[in-house]
């Protein structure tokens, strides 16, 4: 029985990946189940064996992204390394999650824009995602200040700027093929933290 279960899971992932590619290329609103089936090279009915609807496909894709984001935040909150190093790791990991899923990231941005204009909203609460990342970054900034690596008083406003820098790089990456998102994580860390360093503190993350 185990091989059959593995086969079903593998087929489900293949269908999900195909759906994300089509959503990114055609737009979610214009995509039909038939399009997903054609992209995956299977019959339309085979898609319905794994997913009940187009919305279910989209929700599953975003659930995968949310799971990776949760892992990034959990790792950042783990004790051990200095907070400023954990903050640098958080930024790099957050950028990596987006860079690893370019099609899904494009779908997310497109649905966010459509939702702002009365269209279908993404099944991922972006406001909550922003709050979680701002909270994690603000906590690490405060801890880094307590450890003497950053100046006192840093917190939520500075965290908003850090998250905004990541998002700004993301939008440029989506709009301009010449921008490499995976190469900007270190620059985001350097630029955002350079003005927050404590006097005499370390110069690198």
C-alpha atoms as a PDB file:
ATOM      1  CA  UNK A   1       0.000   0.000   0.000  1.00  0.00           C
ATOM      2  CA  UNK A   2       2.868   2.408   0.723  1.00  0.00           C
ATOM      3  CA  UNK A   3       3.990   2.726  -2.927  1.00  0.00           C
ATOM      4  CA  UNK A   4       0.446   3.677  -3.991  1.00  0.00           C
ATOM      5  CA  UNK A   5       0.317   6.359  -1.315  1.00  0.00           C
ATOM      6  CA  UNK A   6       3.688   7.708  -2.446  1.00  0.00           C
ATOM      7  CA  UNK A   7       2.472   7.695  -6.054  1.00  0.00           C
ATOM      8  CA  UNK A   8      -0.644   9.652  -5.096  1.00  0.00           C
ATOM      9  CA  UNK A   9       1.425  12.199  -3.215  1.00  0.00           C
ATOM     10  CA  UNK A  10       3.861  12.529  -6.119  1.00  0.00           C
ATOM     11  CA  UNK A  11       0.993  13.010  -8.582  1.00  0.00           C
ATOM     12  CA  UNK A  12      -0.563  15.600  -6.296  1.00  0.00           C
ATOM     13  CA  UNK A  13       2.702  17.560  -6.203  1.00  0.00           C
ATOM     14  CA  UNK A  14       3.031  17.347  -9.988  1.00  0.00           C
ATOM     15  CA  UNK A  15      -0.483  18.712 -10.440  1.00  0.00           C
ATOM     16  CA  UNK A  16       0.137  21.448  -7.889  1.00  0.00           C
ATOM     17  CA  UNK A  17       3.360  22.536  -9.589  1.00  0.00           C
ATOM     18  CA  UNK A  18       1.625  22.541 -12.972  1.00  0.00           C
ATOM     19  CA  UNK A  19      -1.217  24.646 -11.584  1.00  0.00           C
ATOM     20  CA  UNK A  20       1.166  27.246 -10.179  1.00  0.00           C
ATOM     21  CA  UNK A  21       2.946  27.526 -13.518  1.00  0.00           C
ATOM     22  CA  UNK A  22      -0.330  28.060 -15.348  1.00  0.00           C
ATOM     23  CA  UNK A  23      -1.643  30.518 -12.730  1.00  0.00           C
ATOM     24  CA  UNK A  24       1.556  32.554 -13.145  1.00  0.00           C
ATOM     25  CA  UNK A  25       1.441  32.459 -16.933  1.00  0.00           C
ATOM     26  CA  UNK A  26      -2.284  32.968 -17.599  1.00  0.00           C
ATOM     27  CA  UNK A  27      -3.515  34.504 -14.362  1.00  0.00           C
ATOM     28  CA  UNK A  28      -5.678  32.709 -11.821  1.00  0.00           C
ATOM     29  CA  UNK A  29      -8.985  34.111 -13.083  1.00  0.00           C
ATOM     30  CA  UNK A  30      -8.303  32.965 -16.655  1.00  0.00           C
ATOM     31  CA  UNK A  31      -7.095  29.477 -15.745  1.00  0.00           C
ATOM     32  CA  UNK A  32      -9.377  26.448 -16.075  1.00  0.00           C
ATOM     33  CA  UNK A  33      -8.893  22.950 -14.691  1.00  0.00           C
ATOM     34  CA  UNK A  34      -8.437  21.825 -18.296  1.00  0.00           C
ATOM     35  CA  UNK A  35      -5.414  24.127 -18.558  1.00  0.00           C
ATOM     36  CA  UNK A  36      -3.863  22.610 -15.447  1.00  0.00           C
ATOM     37  CA  UNK A  37      -4.475  19.091 -16.748  1.00  0.00           C
ATOM     38  CA  UNK A  38      -2.855  19.938 -20.081  1.00  0.00           C
ATOM     39  CA  UNK A  39       0.168  21.457 -18.325  1.00  0.00           C
ATOM     40  CA  UNK A  40       0.551  18.330 -16.193  1.00  0.00           C
ATOM     41  CA  UNK A  41       0.006  16.023 -19.197  1.00  0.00           C
ATOM     42  CA  UNK A  42      -2.948  14.221 -17.636  1.00  0.00           C
ATOM     43  CA  UNK A  43      -6.705  13.975 -18.108  1.00  0.00           C
ATOM     44  CA  UNK A  44      -8.988  16.575 -16.555  1.00  0.00           C
ATOM     45  CA  UNK A  45     -10.586  13.928 -14.363  1.00  0.00           C
ATOM     46  CA  UNK A  46      -7.201  13.046 -12.885  1.00  0.00           C
ATOM     47  CA  UNK A  47      -6.901  16.564 -11.492  1.00  0.00           C
ATOM     48  CA  UNK A  48     -10.232  16.180  -9.714  1.00  0.00           C
ATOM     49  CA  UNK A  49      -9.010  12.983  -8.075  1.00  0.00           C
ATOM     50  CA  UNK A  50      -6.497  15.114  -6.132  1.00  0.00           C
ATOM     51  CA  UNK A  51      -8.143  18.543  -5.972  1.00  0.00           C
ATOM     52  CA  UNK A  52     -11.817  19.374  -5.881  1.00  0.00           C
ATOM     53  CA  UNK A  53     -11.572  22.761  -7.550  1.00  0.00           C
ATOM     54  CA  UNK A  54      -9.309  25.482  -8.893  1.00  0.00           C
ATOM     55  CA  UNK A  55      -9.620  27.312  -5.555  1.00  0.00           C
ATOM     56  CA  UNK A  56      -8.469  24.186  -3.726  1.00  0.00           C
ATOM     57  CA  UNK A  57      -5.390  24.045  -5.946  1.00  0.00           C
ATOM     58  CA  UNK A  58      -4.574  27.647  -5.134  1.00  0.00           C
ATOM     59  CA  UNK A  59      -5.128  27.140  -1.402  1.00  0.00           C
ATOM     60  CA  UNK A  60      -2.825  24.106  -1.388  1.00  0.00           C
ATOM     61  CA  UNK A  61      -0.088  26.044  -3.161  1.00  0.00           C
ATOM     62  CA  UNK A  62      -0.251  28.881  -0.664  1.00  0.00           C
ATOM     63  CA  UNK A  63      -0.380  26.435   2.253  1.00  0.00           C
ATOM     64  CA  UNK A  64       3.000  25.142   1.109  1.00  0.00           C
ATOM     65  CA  UNK A  65       4.377  28.672   1.037  1.00  0.00           C
ATOM     66  CA  UNK A  66       2.912  29.432   4.472  1.00  0.00           C
ATOM     67  CA  UNK A  67       4.540  26.301   5.882  1.00  0.00           C
ATOM     68  CA  UNK A  68       7.966  27.372   4.632  1.00  0.00           C
ATOM     69  CA  UNK A  69       7.460  30.869   6.053  1.00  0.00           C
ATOM     70  CA  UNK A  70       6.509  29.390   9.430  1.00  0.00           C
ATOM     71  CA  UNK A  71       9.727  27.342   9.413  1.00  0.00           C
ATOM     72  CA  UNK A  72      11.757  30.505   8.705  1.00  0.00           C
ATOM     73  CA  UNK A  73      10.161  32.346  11.626  1.00  0.00           C
ATOM     74  CA  UNK A  74      10.536  29.391  13.980  1.00  0.00           C
ATOM     75  CA  UNK A  75      14.228  29.095  13.148  1.00  0.00           C
ATOM     76  CA  UNK A  76      14.758  32.811  13.762  1.00  0.00           C
ATOM     77  CA  UNK A  77      13.192  32.585  17.214  1.00  0.00           C
ATOM     78  CA  UNK A  78      15.434  29.697  18.283  1.00  0.00           C
ATOM     79  CA  UNK A  79      18.016  30.628  20.872  1.00  0.00           C
ATOM     80  CA  UNK A  80      21.752  30.193  20.418  1.00  0.00           C
ATOM     81  CA  UNK A  81      23.356  32.593  17.962  1.00  0.00           C
ATOM     82  CA  UNK A  82      23.500  36.343  18.623  1.00  0.00           C
ATOM     83  CA  UNK A  83      20.283  38.103  17.646  1.00  0.00           C
ATOM     84  CA  UNK A  84      21.934  40.148  14.918  1.00  0.00           C
ATOM     85  CA  UNK A  85      23.117  36.942  13.240  1.00  0.00           C
ATOM     86  CA  UNK A  86      19.661  35.391  13.545  1.00  0.00           C
ATOM     87  CA  UNK A  87      18.201  38.526  11.989  1.00  0.00           C
ATOM     88  CA  UNK A  88      20.570  38.261   9.028  1.00  0.00           C
ATOM     89  CA  UNK A  89      19.635  34.598   8.649  1.00  0.00           C
ATOM     90  CA  UNK A  90      15.944  35.488   8.785  1.00  0.00           C
ATOM     91  CA  UNK A  91      16.276  38.014   5.958  1.00  0.00           C
ATOM     92  CA  UNK A  92      18.286  35.597   3.826  1.00  0.00           C
ATOM     93  CA  UNK A  93      15.847  32.748   4.446  1.00  0.00           C
ATOM     94  CA  UNK A  94      12.803  34.918   3.714  1.00  0.00           C
ATOM     95  CA  UNK A  95      14.323  36.023   0.415  1.00  0.00           C
ATOM     96  CA  UNK A  96      15.255  32.421  -0.417  1.00  0.00           C
ATOM     97  CA  UNK A  97      11.670  31.247   0.121  1.00  0.00           C
ATOM     98  CA  UNK A  98      10.429  33.797  -2.409  1.00  0.00           C
ATOM     99  CA  UNK A  99      13.271  33.249  -4.870  1.00  0.00           C
ATOM    100  CA  UNK A 100      12.681  29.484  -4.803  1.00  0.00           C
ATOM    101  CA  UNK A 101       9.014  29.958  -5.761  1.00  0.00           C
ATOM    102  CA  UNK A 102       9.049  32.612  -8.516  1.00  0.00           C
ATOM    103  CA  UNK A 103       5.778  31.498 -10.125  1.00  0.00           C
ATOM    104  CA  UNK A 104       3.896  31.283  -6.840  1.00  0.00           C
ATOM    105  CA  UNK A 105       5.330  34.604  -5.742  1.00  0.00           C
ATOM    106  CA  UNK A 106       4.062  36.196  -8.951  1.00  0.00           C
ATOM    107  CA  UNK A 107       0.624  34.658  -8.395  1.00  0.00           C
ATOM    108  CA  UNK A 108       0.601  36.000  -4.841  1.00  0.00           C
ATOM    109  CA  UNK A 109       1.399  39.543  -5.968  1.00  0.00           C
ATOM    110  CA  UNK A 110      -1.115  39.382  -8.826  1.00  0.00           C
ATOM    111  CA  UNK A 111      -3.898  38.166  -6.528  1.00  0.00           C
ATOM    112  CA  UNK A 112      -3.028  40.804  -3.939  1.00  0.00           C
ATOM    113  CA  UNK A 113      -3.387  43.467  -6.637  1.00  0.00           C
ATOM    114  CA  UNK A 114      -6.631  41.933  -7.915  1.00  0.00           C
ATOM    115  CA  UNK A 115      -8.035  41.794  -4.395  1.00  0.00           C
ATOM    116  CA  UNK A 116      -7.313  45.484  -3.945  1.00  0.00           C
ATOM    117  CA  UNK A 117      -9.509  46.153  -6.994  1.00  0.00           C
ATOM    118  CA  UNK A 118     -12.379  43.854  -6.070  1.00  0.00           C
ATOM    119  CA  UNK A 119     -11.032  40.698  -7.702  1.00  0.00           C
ATOM    120  CA  UNK A 120     -10.249  37.335  -6.163  1.00  0.00           C
ATOM    121  CA  UNK A 121      -8.145  37.649  -3.025  1.00  0.00           C
ATOM    122  CA  UNK A 122      -5.198  35.387  -2.282  1.00  0.00           C
ATOM    123  CA  UNK A 123      -5.955  32.588   0.204  1.00  0.00           C
ATOM    124  CA  UNK A 124      -3.035  33.847   2.253  1.00  0.00           C
ATOM    125  CA  UNK A 125      -3.689  36.683   4.687  1.00  0.00           C
ATOM    126  CA  UNK A 126      -0.889  39.028   3.680  1.00  0.00           C
ATOM    127  CA  UNK A 127      -1.584  41.428   6.554  1.00  0.00           C
ATOM    128  CA  UNK A 128      -0.995  38.580   8.999  1.00  0.00           C
ATOM    129  CA  UNK A 129       2.171  37.534   7.179  1.00  0.00           C
ATOM    130  CA  UNK A 130       3.504  41.088   7.394  1.00  0.00           C
ATOM    131  CA  UNK A 131       2.628  41.281  11.099  1.00  0.00           C
ATOM    132  CA  UNK A 132       4.399  38.004  11.830  1.00  0.00           C
ATOM    133  CA  UNK A 133       7.565  39.042  10.021  1.00  0.00           C
ATOM    134  CA  UNK A 134       7.537  42.542  11.541  1.00  0.00           C
ATOM    135  CA  UNK A 135       7.079  41.017  14.978  1.00  0.00           C
ATOM    136  CA  UNK A 136       9.938  38.572  14.500  1.00  0.00           C
ATOM    137  CA  UNK A 137      12.258  41.247  13.097  1.00  0.00           C
ATOM    138  CA  UNK A 138      11.342  43.751  15.832  1.00  0.00           C
ATOM    139  CA  UNK A 139      12.021  41.156  18.530  1.00  0.00           C
ATOM    140  CA  UNK A 140      15.431  40.355  17.043  1.00  0.00           C
ATOM    141  CA  UNK A 141      16.267  44.059  16.739  1.00  0.00           C
ATOM    142  CA  UNK A 142      15.455  44.616  20.422  1.00  0.00           C
ATOM    143  CA  UNK A 143      17.466  41.574  21.441  1.00  0.00           C
ATOM    144  CA  UNK A 144      20.411  42.734  19.331  1.00  0.00           C
ATOM    145  CA  UNK A 145      20.196  46.127  21.057  1.00  0.00           C
ATOM    146  CA  UNK A 146      20.177  44.419  24.467  1.00  0.00           C
ATOM    147  CA  UNK A 147      23.253  42.465  23.397  1.00  0.00           C
ATOM    148  CA  UNK A 148      25.003  45.712  22.453  1.00  0.00           C
ATOM    149  CA  UNK A 149      25.181  45.113  18.713  1.00  0.00           C
ATOM    150  CA  UNK A 150      22.529  47.683  17.744  1.00  0.00           C
ATOM    151  CA  UNK A 151      21.680  51.069  19.183  1.00  0.00           C
ATOM    152  CA  UNK A 152      19.034  51.242  21.924  1.00  0.00           C
ATOM    153  CA  UNK A 153      15.433  51.968  21.048  1.00  0.00           C
ATOM    154  CA  UNK A 154      15.142  49.993  17.821  1.00  0.00           C
ATOM    155  CA  UNK A 155      11.925  48.068  17.306  1.00  0.00           C
ATOM    156  CA  UNK A 156       8.705  48.101  15.306  1.00  0.00           C
ATOM    157  CA  UNK A 157       9.394  51.097  13.000  1.00  0.00           C
ATOM    158  CA  UNK A 158      12.786  49.753  11.989  1.00  0.00           C
ATOM    159  CA  UNK A 159      11.261  46.278  11.506  1.00  0.00           C
ATOM    160  CA  UNK A 160       8.713  47.783   9.130  1.00  0.00           C
ATOM    161  CA  UNK A 161      11.540  49.245   7.052  1.00  0.00           C
ATOM    162  CA  UNK A 162      13.392  45.905   6.928  1.00  0.00           C
ATOM    163  CA  UNK A 163      10.265  44.059   5.766  1.00  0.00           C
ATOM    164  CA  UNK A 164       9.578  46.860   3.296  1.00  0.00           C
ATOM    165  CA  UNK A 165      13.064  46.521   1.845  1.00  0.00           C
ATOM    166  CA  UNK A 166      12.474  42.823   1.204  1.00  0.00           C
ATOM    167  CA  UNK A 167       9.120  43.518  -0.427  1.00  0.00           C
ATOM    168  CA  UNK A 168      10.575  46.334  -2.544  1.00  0.00           C
ATOM    169  CA  UNK A 169      13.278  44.030  -3.862  1.00  0.00           C
ATOM    170  CA  UNK A 170      10.616  41.416  -4.545  1.00  0.00           C
ATOM    171  CA  UNK A 171       8.528  43.781  -6.686  1.00  0.00           C
ATOM    172  CA  UNK A 172      11.563  44.916  -8.675  1.00  0.00           C
ATOM    173  CA  UNK A 173      12.547  41.287  -9.251  1.00  0.00           C
ATOM    174  CA  UNK A 174       9.089  40.476 -10.598  1.00  0.00           C
ATOM    175  CA  UNK A 175       9.019  43.542 -12.851  1.00  0.00           C
ATOM    176  CA  UNK A 176      12.598  43.515 -14.110  1.00  0.00           C
ATOM    177  CA  UNK A 177      14.242  40.248 -15.238  1.00  0.00           C
ATOM    178  CA  UNK A 178      17.629  41.903 -14.738  1.00  0.00           C
ATOM    179  CA  UNK A 179      17.193  41.949 -10.947  1.00  0.00           C
ATOM    180  CA  UNK A 180      18.404  38.836  -9.101  1.00  0.00           C
ATOM    181  CA  UNK A 181      16.485  38.484  -5.869  1.00  0.00           C
ATOM    182  CA  UNK A 182      18.690  35.731  -4.454  1.00  0.00           C
ATOM    183  CA  UNK A 183      21.699  38.046  -4.629  1.00  0.00           C
ATOM    184  CA  UNK A 184      20.100  40.885  -2.680  1.00  0.00           C
ATOM    185  CA  UNK A 185      19.571  39.331   0.750  1.00  0.00           C
ATOM    186  CA  UNK A 186      23.009  40.253   2.027  1.00  0.00           C
ATOM    187  CA  UNK A 187      22.637  43.786   0.691  1.00  0.00           C
ATOM    188  CA  UNK A 188      19.279  44.210   2.442  1.00  0.00           C
ATOM    189  CA  UNK A 189      20.889  43.167   5.722  1.00  0.00           C
ATOM    190  CA  UNK A 190      23.889  45.449   5.248  1.00  0.00           C
ATOM    191  CA  UNK A 191      21.871  48.507   4.228  1.00  0.00           C
ATOM    192  CA  UNK A 192      19.132  48.092   6.828  1.00  0.00           C
ATOM    193  CA  UNK A 193      21.461  47.432   9.747  1.00  0.00           C
ATOM    194  CA  UNK A 194      24.218  49.898   8.886  1.00  0.00           C
ATOM    195  CA  UNK A 195      22.338  52.812  10.466  1.00  0.00           C
ATOM    196  CA  UNK A 196      21.297  50.796  13.521  1.00  0.00           C
ATOM    197  CA  UNK A 197      24.708  49.697  14.743  1.00  0.00           C
ATOM    198  CA  UNK A 198      25.735  50.508  18.263  1.00  0.00           C
ATOM    199  CA  UNK A 199      28.856  52.627  18.524  1.00  0.00           C
ATOM    200  CA  UNK A 200      31.787  50.287  18.550  1.00  0.00           C
ATOM    201  CA  UNK A 201      29.587  47.344  17.608  1.00  0.00           C
ATOM    202  CA  UNK A 202      30.414  44.805  14.888  1.00  0.00           C
ATOM    203  CA  UNK A 203      30.276  46.006  11.295  1.00  0.00           C
ATOM    204  CA  UNK A 204      28.850  42.817   9.802  1.00  0.00           C
ATOM    205  CA  UNK A 205      25.926  40.495  10.580  1.00  0.00           C
END
